[in-house]
Amino acid sequence: MKENAELRKNIVGLSIKRLRLAHGLTQEQLAVQMQLRGLSLTKLTVSRIETGRRMVLDYEVKAFAAYFCVPVLFLYR
């Protein structure tokens, strides 16, 4: 039960996963795209973000939103 509550706290991670899958990207491909934008993200980091084991920093949220061409607030839905 606690795990589900923790996942609900990280709605950005769930939104990133939905967008990644909708764009047909693997976690590795998304990590590479973020690296090209100056972020030090690996496949493992993307996985941890998506599963709620790592919080997303504000500048990372902005980078994900820019990459997926969505407003930042879209990631909080």
PDB file of N, CA and C in Angstrom:
ATOM      1  N   MET A   1       0.824  -1.197   0.000  1.00  0.00           N
ATOM      2  CA  MET A   1       0.000   0.000   0.000  1.00  0.00           C
ATOM      3  C   MET A   1       0.861   1.251   0.000  1.00  0.00           C
ATOM      4  N   LYS A   2       1.927   1.238   0.795  1.00  0.00           N
ATOM      5  CA  LYS A   2       2.802   2.399   0.862  1.00  0.00           C
ATOM      6  C   LYS A   2       3.420   2.684  -0.503  1.00  0.00           C
ATOM      7  N   GLU A   3       3.781   1.641  -1.245  1.00  0.00           N
ATOM      8  CA  GLU A   3       4.386   1.830  -2.559  1.00  0.00           C
ATOM      9  C   GLU A   3       3.441   2.595  -3.485  1.00  0.00           C
ATOM     10  N   ASN A   4       2.166   2.262  -3.496  1.00  0.00           N
ATOM     11  CA  ASN A   4       1.196   2.973  -4.327  1.00  0.00           C
ATOM     12  C   ASN A   4       1.082   4.431  -3.917  1.00  0.00           C
ATOM     13  N   ALA A   5       1.105   4.697  -2.628  1.00  0.00           N
ATOM     14  CA  ALA A   5       1.034   6.075  -2.144  1.00  0.00           C
ATOM     15  C   ALA A   5       2.259   6.854  -2.589  1.00  0.00           C
ATOM     16  N   GLU A   6       3.419   6.219  -2.567  1.00  0.00           N
ATOM     17  CA  GLU A   6       4.645   6.886  -3.004  1.00  0.00           C
ATOM     18  C   GLU A   6       4.589   7.187  -4.499  1.00  0.00           C
ATOM     19  N   LEU A   7       4.079   6.267  -5.293  1.00  0.00           N
ATOM     20  CA  LEU A   7       3.981   6.496  -6.732  1.00  0.00           C
ATOM     21  C   LEU A   7       3.056   7.661  -7.045  1.00  0.00           C
ATOM     22  N   ARG A   8       1.994   7.807  -6.290  1.00  0.00           N
ATOM     23  CA  ARG A   8       1.067   8.913  -6.535  1.00  0.00           C
ATOM     24  C   ARG A   8       1.732  10.255  -6.274  1.00  0.00           C
ATOM     25  N   LYS A   9       2.727  10.270  -5.414  1.00  0.00           N
ATOM     26  CA  LYS A   9       3.438  11.508  -5.134  1.00  0.00           C
ATOM     27  C   LYS A   9       4.274  11.954  -6.331  1.00  0.00           C
ATOM     28  N   ASN A  10       4.689  11.013  -7.159  1.00  0.00           N
ATOM     29  CA  ASN A  10       5.543  11.324  -8.296  1.00  0.00           C
ATOM     30  C   ASN A  10       4.749  11.237  -9.592  1.00  0.00           C
ATOM     31  N   ILE A  11       3.787  12.118  -9.748  1.00  0.00           N
ATOM     32  CA  ILE A  11       2.967  12.085 -10.956  1.00  0.00           C
ATOM     33  C   ILE A  11       3.763  12.511 -12.176  1.00  0.00           C
ATOM     34  N   VAL A  12       4.812  13.283 -11.986  1.00  0.00           N
ATOM     35  CA  VAL A  12       5.649  13.677 -13.117  1.00  0.00           C
ATOM     36  C   VAL A  12       6.288  12.441 -13.741  1.00  0.00           C
ATOM     37  N   GLY A  13       6.765  11.528 -12.923  1.00  0.00           N
ATOM     38  CA  GLY A  13       7.376  10.310 -13.440  1.00  0.00           C
ATOM     39  C   GLY A  13       6.409   9.482 -14.264  1.00  0.00           C
ATOM     40  N   LEU A  14       5.192   9.380 -13.799  1.00  0.00           N
ATOM     41  CA  LEU A  14       4.176   8.633 -14.555  1.00  0.00           C
ATOM     42  C   LEU A  14       3.856   9.327 -15.872  1.00  0.00           C
ATOM     43  N   SER A  15       3.812  10.643 -15.859  1.00  0.00           N
ATOM     44  CA  SER A  15       3.550  11.394 -17.092  1.00  0.00           C
ATOM     45  C   SER A  15       4.692  11.227 -18.083  1.00  0.00           C
ATOM     46  N   ILE A  16       5.915  11.249 -17.588  1.00  0.00           N
ATOM     47  CA  ILE A  16       7.077  11.052 -18.455  1.00  0.00           C
ATOM     48  C   ILE A  16       7.018   9.669 -19.095  1.00  0.00           C
ATOM     49  N   LYS A  17       6.667   8.669 -18.316  1.00  0.00           N
ATOM     50  CA  LYS A  17       6.567   7.314 -18.864  1.00  0.00           C
ATOM     51  C   LYS A  17       5.493   7.246 -19.948  1.00  0.00           C
ATOM     52  N   ARG A  18       4.340   7.835 -19.690  1.00  0.00           N
ATOM     53  CA  ARG A  18       3.264   7.823 -20.696  1.00  0.00           C
ATOM     54  C   ARG A  18       3.713   8.510 -21.985  1.00  0.00           C
ATOM     55  N   LEU A  19       4.361   9.657 -21.852  1.00  0.00           N
ATOM     56  CA  LEU A  19       4.834  10.377 -23.039  1.00  0.00           C
ATOM     57  C   LEU A  19       5.915   9.585 -23.774  1.00  0.00           C
ATOM     58  N   ARG A  20       6.814   8.995 -23.026  1.00  0.00           N
ATOM     59  CA  ARG A  20       7.882   8.202 -23.646  1.00  0.00           C
ATOM     60  C   ARG A  20       7.297   7.057 -24.462  1.00  0.00           C
ATOM     61  N   LEU A  21       6.357   6.343 -23.872  1.00  0.00           N
ATOM     62  CA  LEU A  21       5.730   5.221 -24.576  1.00  0.00           C
ATOM     63  C   LEU A  21       4.921   5.697 -25.776  1.00  0.00           C
ATOM     64  N   ALA A  22       4.224   6.810 -25.628  1.00  0.00           N
ATOM     65  CA  ALA A  22       3.434   7.357 -26.736  1.00  0.00           C
ATOM     66  C   ALA A  22       4.320   7.761 -27.912  1.00  0.00           C
ATOM     67  N   HIS A  23       5.559   8.130 -27.617  1.00  0.00           N
ATOM     68  CA  HIS A  23       6.504   8.515 -28.666  1.00  0.00           C
ATOM     69  C   HIS A  23       7.345   7.329 -29.151  1.00  0.00           C
ATOM     70  N   GLY A  24       7.075   6.152 -28.615  1.00  0.00           N
ATOM     71  CA  GLY A  24       7.771   4.944 -29.057  1.00  0.00           C
ATOM     72  C   GLY A  24       9.242   4.900 -28.686  1.00  0.00           C
ATOM     73  N   LEU A  25       9.586   5.507 -27.560  1.00  0.00           N
ATOM     74  CA  LEU A  25      10.980   5.553 -27.125  1.00  0.00           C
ATOM     75  C   LEU A  25      11.253   4.542 -26.021  1.00  0.00           C
ATOM     76  N   THR A  26      12.466   4.022 -26.011  1.00  0.00           N
ATOM     77  CA  THR A  26      12.913   3.220 -24.878  1.00  0.00           C
ATOM     78  C   THR A  26      13.453   4.173 -23.815  1.00  0.00           C
ATOM     79  N   GLN A  27      13.668   3.646 -22.634  1.00  0.00           N
ATOM     80  CA  GLN A  27      14.268   4.474 -21.581  1.00  0.00           C
ATOM     81  C   GLN A  27      15.668   4.916 -21.992  1.00  0.00           C
ATOM     82  N   GLU A  28      16.391   4.050 -22.656  1.00  0.00           N
ATOM     83  CA  GLU A  28      17.743   4.384 -23.132  1.00  0.00           C
ATOM     84  C   GLU A  28      17.690   5.530 -24.143  1.00  0.00           C
ATOM     85  N   GLN A  29      16.764   5.457 -25.084  1.00  0.00           N
ATOM     86  CA  GLN A  29      16.642   6.519 -26.087  1.00  0.00           C
ATOM     87  C   GLN A  29      16.285   7.856 -25.449  1.00  0.00           C
ATOM     88  N   LEU A  30      15.394   7.832 -24.477  1.00  0.00           N
ATOM     89  CA  LEU A  30      15.033   9.074 -23.793  1.00  0.00           C
ATOM     90  C   LEU A  30      16.223   9.617 -23.012  1.00  0.00           C
ATOM     91  N   ALA A  31      16.970   8.743 -22.362  1.00  0.00           N
ATOM     92  CA  ALA A  31      18.157   9.178 -21.621  1.00  0.00           C
ATOM     93  C   ALA A  31      19.155   9.853 -22.560  1.00  0.00           C
ATOM     94  N   VAL A  32      19.359   9.276 -23.733  1.00  0.00           N
ATOM     95  CA  VAL A  32      20.280   9.868 -24.712  1.00  0.00           C
ATOM     96  C   VAL A  32      19.788  11.246 -25.143  1.00  0.00           C
ATOM     97  N   GLN A  33      18.492  11.374 -25.390  1.00  0.00           N
ATOM     98  CA  GLN A  33      17.944  12.680 -25.779  1.00  0.00           C
ATOM     99  C   GLN A  33      18.151  13.723 -24.684  1.00  0.00           C
ATOM    100  N   MET A  34      18.002  13.309 -23.436  1.00  0.00           N
ATOM    101  CA  MET A  34      18.223  14.240 -22.327  1.00  0.00           C
ATOM    102  C   MET A  34      19.708  14.584 -22.193  1.00  0.00           C
ATOM    103  N   GLN A  35      20.586  13.615 -22.461  1.00  0.00           N
ATOM    104  CA  GLN A  35      22.025  13.878 -22.437  1.00  0.00           C
ATOM    105  C   GLN A  35      22.403  14.892 -23.513  1.00  0.00           C
ATOM    106  N   LEU A  36      21.779  14.788 -24.681  1.00  0.00           N
ATOM    107  CA  LEU A  36      22.040  15.747 -25.760  1.00  0.00           C
ATOM    108  C   LEU A  36      21.605  17.158 -25.375  1.00  0.00           C
ATOM    109  N   ARG A  37      20.717  17.247 -24.392  1.00  0.00           N
ATOM    110  CA  ARG A  37      20.241  18.541 -23.898  1.00  0.00           C
ATOM    111  C   ARG A  37      20.973  18.971 -22.624  1.00  0.00           C
ATOM    112  N   GLY A  38      22.063  18.266 -22.303  1.00  0.00           N
ATOM    113  CA  GLY A  38      22.910  18.675 -21.195  1.00  0.00           C
ATOM    114  C   GLY A  38      22.601  18.070 -19.840  1.00  0.00           C
ATOM    115  N   LEU A  39      21.664  17.121 -19.778  1.00  0.00           N
ATOM    116  CA  LEU A  39      21.341  16.479 -18.499  1.00  0.00           C
ATOM    117  C   LEU A  39      22.123  15.177 -18.362  1.00  0.00           C
ATOM    118  N   SER A  40      22.557  14.882 -17.167  1.00  0.00           N
ATOM    119  CA  SER A  40      23.298  13.644 -16.903  1.00  0.00           C
ATOM    120  C   SER A  40      22.331  12.549 -16.469  1.00  0.00           C
ATOM    121  N   LEU A  41      21.500  12.107 -17.397  1.00  0.00           N
ATOM    122  CA  LEU A  41      20.536  11.050 -17.097  1.00  0.00           C
ATOM    123  C   LEU A  41      20.938   9.778 -17.824  1.00  0.00           C
ATOM    124  N   THR A  42      20.792   8.662 -17.140  1.00  0.00           N
ATOM    125  CA  THR A  42      21.044   7.355 -17.736  1.00  0.00           C
ATOM    126  C   THR A  42      19.718   6.605 -17.844  1.00  0.00           C
ATOM    127  N   LYS A  43      19.775   5.445 -18.479  1.00  0.00           N
ATOM    128  CA  LYS A  43      18.583   4.596 -18.558  1.00  0.00           C
ATOM    129  C   LYS A  43      18.085   4.271 -17.151  1.00  0.00           C
ATOM    130  N   LEU A  44      19.001   3.982 -16.244  1.00  0.00           N
ATOM    131  CA  LEU A  44      18.628   3.666 -14.865  1.00  0.00           C
ATOM    132  C   LEU A  44      17.952   4.863 -14.193  1.00  0.00           C
ATOM    133  N   THR A  45      18.452   6.052 -14.442  1.00  0.00           N
ATOM    134  CA  THR A  45      17.844   7.253 -13.861  1.00  0.00           C
ATOM    135  C   THR A  45      16.428   7.442 -14.386  1.00  0.00           C
ATOM    136  N   VAL A  46      16.238   7.268 -15.694  1.00  0.00           N
ATOM    137  CA  VAL A  46      14.898   7.392 -16.279  1.00  0.00           C
ATOM    138  C   VAL A  46      13.970   6.359 -15.647  1.00  0.00           C
ATOM    139  N   SER A  47      14.450   5.139 -15.491  1.00  0.00           N
ATOM    140  CA  SER A  47      13.644   4.091 -14.860  1.00  0.00           C
ATOM    141  C   SER A  47      13.248   4.485 -13.442  1.00  0.00           C
ATOM    142  N   ARG A  48      14.188   4.993 -12.687  1.00  0.00           N
ATOM    143  CA  ARG A  48      13.898   5.394 -11.309  1.00  0.00           C
ATOM    144  C   ARG A  48      12.919   6.562 -11.251  1.00  0.00           C
ATOM    145  N   ILE A  49      13.031   7.483 -12.180  1.00  0.00           N
ATOM    146  CA  ILE A  49      12.077   8.599 -12.239  1.00  0.00           C
ATOM    147  C   ILE A  49      10.678   8.058 -12.523  1.00  0.00           C
ATOM    148  N   GLU A  50      10.578   7.188 -13.518  1.00  0.00           N
ATOM    149  CA  GLU A  50       9.274   6.658 -13.919  1.00  0.00           C
ATOM    150  C   GLU A  50       8.613   5.821 -12.829  1.00  0.00           C
ATOM    151  N   THR A  51       9.414   5.149 -12.029  1.00  0.00           N
ATOM    152  CA  THR A  51       8.854   4.282 -10.987  1.00  0.00           C
ATOM    153  C   THR A  51       8.755   4.973  -9.632  1.00  0.00           C
ATOM    154  N   GLY A  52       9.132   6.232  -9.576  1.00  0.00           N
ATOM    155  CA  GLY A  52       8.992   6.987  -8.346  1.00  0.00           C
ATOM    156  C   GLY A  52      10.103   6.787  -7.335  1.00  0.00           C
ATOM    157  N   ARG A  53      11.165   6.110  -7.732  1.00  0.00           N
ATOM    158  CA  ARG A  53      12.284   5.905  -6.808  1.00  0.00           C
ATOM    159  C   ARG A  53      13.259   7.077  -6.822  1.00  0.00           C
ATOM    160  N   ARG A  54      13.050   8.004  -7.757  1.00  0.00           N
ATOM    161  CA  ARG A  54      13.863   9.220  -7.808  1.00  0.00           C
ATOM    162  C   ARG A  54      12.956  10.377  -8.187  1.00  0.00           C
ATOM    163  N   MET A  55      13.050  11.428  -7.431  1.00  0.00           N
ATOM    164  CA  MET A  55      12.272  12.623  -7.746  1.00  0.00           C
ATOM    165  C   MET A  55      12.909  13.351  -8.929  1.00  0.00           C
ATOM    166  N   VAL A  56      12.113  14.155  -9.594  1.00  0.00           N
ATOM    167  CA  VAL A  56      12.577  14.904 -10.753  1.00  0.00           C
ATOM    168  C   VAL A  56      12.877  16.333 -10.314  1.00  0.00           C
ATOM    169  N   LEU A  57      14.056  16.802 -10.650  1.00  0.00           N
ATOM    170  CA  LEU A  57      14.444  18.166 -10.312  1.00  0.00           C
ATOM    171  C   LEU A  57      13.745  19.155 -11.237  1.00  0.00           C
ATOM    172  N   ASP A  58      13.595  20.382 -10.793  1.00  0.00           N
ATOM    173  CA  ASP A  58      12.824  21.362 -11.566  1.00  0.00           C
ATOM    174  C   ASP A  58      13.381  21.576 -12.967  1.00  0.00           C
ATOM    175  N   TYR A  59      14.691  21.672 -13.112  1.00  0.00           N
ATOM    176  CA  TYR A  59      15.261  21.884 -14.442  1.00  0.00           C
ATOM    177  C   TYR A  59      15.098  20.646 -15.327  1.00  0.00           C
ATOM    178  N   GLU A  60      14.989  19.466 -14.704  1.00  0.00           N
ATOM    179  CA  GLU A  60      14.737  18.256 -15.476  1.00  0.00           C
ATOM    180  C   GLU A  60      13.300  18.241 -15.985  1.00  0.00           C
ATOM    181  N   VAL A  61      12.364  18.669 -15.158  1.00  0.00           N
ATOM    182  CA  VAL A  61      10.961  18.760 -15.587  1.00  0.00           C
ATOM    183  C   VAL A  61      10.872  19.671 -16.807  1.00  0.00           C
ATOM    184  N   LYS A  62      11.546  20.797 -16.731  1.00  0.00           N
ATOM    185  CA  LYS A  62      11.537  21.753 -17.848  1.00  0.00           C
ATOM    186  C   LYS A  62      12.118  21.116 -19.117  1.00  0.00           C
ATOM    187  N   ALA A  63      13.197  20.362 -18.978  1.00  0.00           N
ATOM    188  CA  ALA A  63      13.822  19.708 -20.132  1.00  0.00           C
ATOM    189  C   ALA A  63      12.921  18.627 -20.729  1.00  0.00           C
ATOM    190  N   PHE A  64      12.285  17.830 -19.877  1.00  0.00           N
ATOM    191  CA  PHE A  64      11.360  16.808 -20.381  1.00  0.00           C
ATOM    192  C   PHE A  64      10.200  17.466 -21.124  1.00  0.00           C
ATOM    193  N   ALA A  65       9.646  18.518 -20.555  1.00  0.00           N
ATOM    194  CA  ALA A  65       8.526  19.218 -21.195  1.00  0.00           C
ATOM    195  C   ALA A  65       8.948  19.776 -22.547  1.00  0.00           C
ATOM    196  N   ALA A  66      10.126  20.376 -22.610  1.00  0.00           N
ATOM    197  CA  ALA A  66      10.611  20.937 -23.876  1.00  0.00           C
ATOM    198  C   ALA A  66      10.813  19.832 -24.909  1.00  0.00           C
ATOM    199  N   TYR A  67      11.385  18.721 -24.501  1.00  0.00           N
ATOM    200  CA  TYR A  67      11.621  17.624 -25.439  1.00  0.00           C
ATOM    201  C   TYR A  67      10.310  17.091 -26.012  1.00  0.00           C
ATOM    202  N   PHE A  68       9.321  16.899 -25.151  1.00  0.00           N
ATOM    203  CA  PHE A  68       8.044  16.348 -25.600  1.00  0.00           C
ATOM    204  C   PHE A  68       7.095  17.421 -26.146  1.00  0.00           C
ATOM    205  N   CYS A  69       7.545  18.681 -26.162  1.00  0.00           N
ATOM    206  CA  CYS A  69       6.741  19.801 -26.689  1.00  0.00           C
ATOM    207  C   CYS A  69       5.397  19.921 -25.964  1.00  0.00           C
ATOM    208  N   VAL A  70       5.455  19.846 -24.656  1.00  0.00           N
ATOM    209  CA  VAL A  70       4.253  20.018 -23.839  1.00  0.00           C
ATOM    210  C   VAL A  70       4.546  21.083 -22.785  1.00  0.00           C
ATOM    211  N   PRO A  71       3.512  21.760 -22.291  1.00  0.00           N
ATOM    212  CA  PRO A  71       3.737  22.704 -21.191  1.00  0.00           C
ATOM    213  C   PRO A  71       4.196  21.952 -19.934  1.00  0.00           C
ATOM    214  N   VAL A  72       4.980  22.606 -19.116  1.00  0.00           N
ATOM    215  CA  VAL A  72       5.462  21.995 -17.870  1.00  0.00           C
ATOM    216  C   VAL A  72       4.295  21.452 -17.046  1.00  0.00           C
ATOM    217  N   LEU A  73       3.218  22.213 -16.962  1.00  0.00           N
ATOM    218  CA  LEU A  73       2.071  21.773 -16.155  1.00  0.00           C
ATOM    219  C   LEU A  73       1.449  20.475 -16.660  1.00  0.00           C
ATOM    220  N   PHE A  74       1.628  20.170 -17.936  1.00  0.00           N
ATOM    221  CA  PHE A  74       1.109  18.920 -18.494  1.00  0.00           C
ATOM    222  C   PHE A  74       1.703  17.713 -17.767  1.00  0.00           C
ATOM    223  N   LEU A  75       2.951  17.838 -17.336  1.00  0.00           N
ATOM    224  CA  LEU A  75       3.618  16.724 -16.660  1.00  0.00           C
ATOM    225  C   LEU A  75       3.070  16.476 -15.263  1.00  0.00           C
ATOM    226  N   TYR A  76       2.320  17.421 -14.739  1.00  0.00           N
ATOM    227  CA  TYR A  76       1.754  17.283 -13.391  1.00  0.00           C
ATOM    228  C   TYR A  76       0.318  16.766 -13.419  1.00  0.00           C
ATOM    229  N   ARG A  77      -0.102  16.193 -14.533  1.00  0.00           N
ATOM    230  CA  ARG A  77      -1.461  15.672 -14.645  1.00  0.00           C
ATOM    231  C   ARG A  77      -1.476  14.170 -14.509  1.00  0.00           C
TER     232      ARG A  77
END
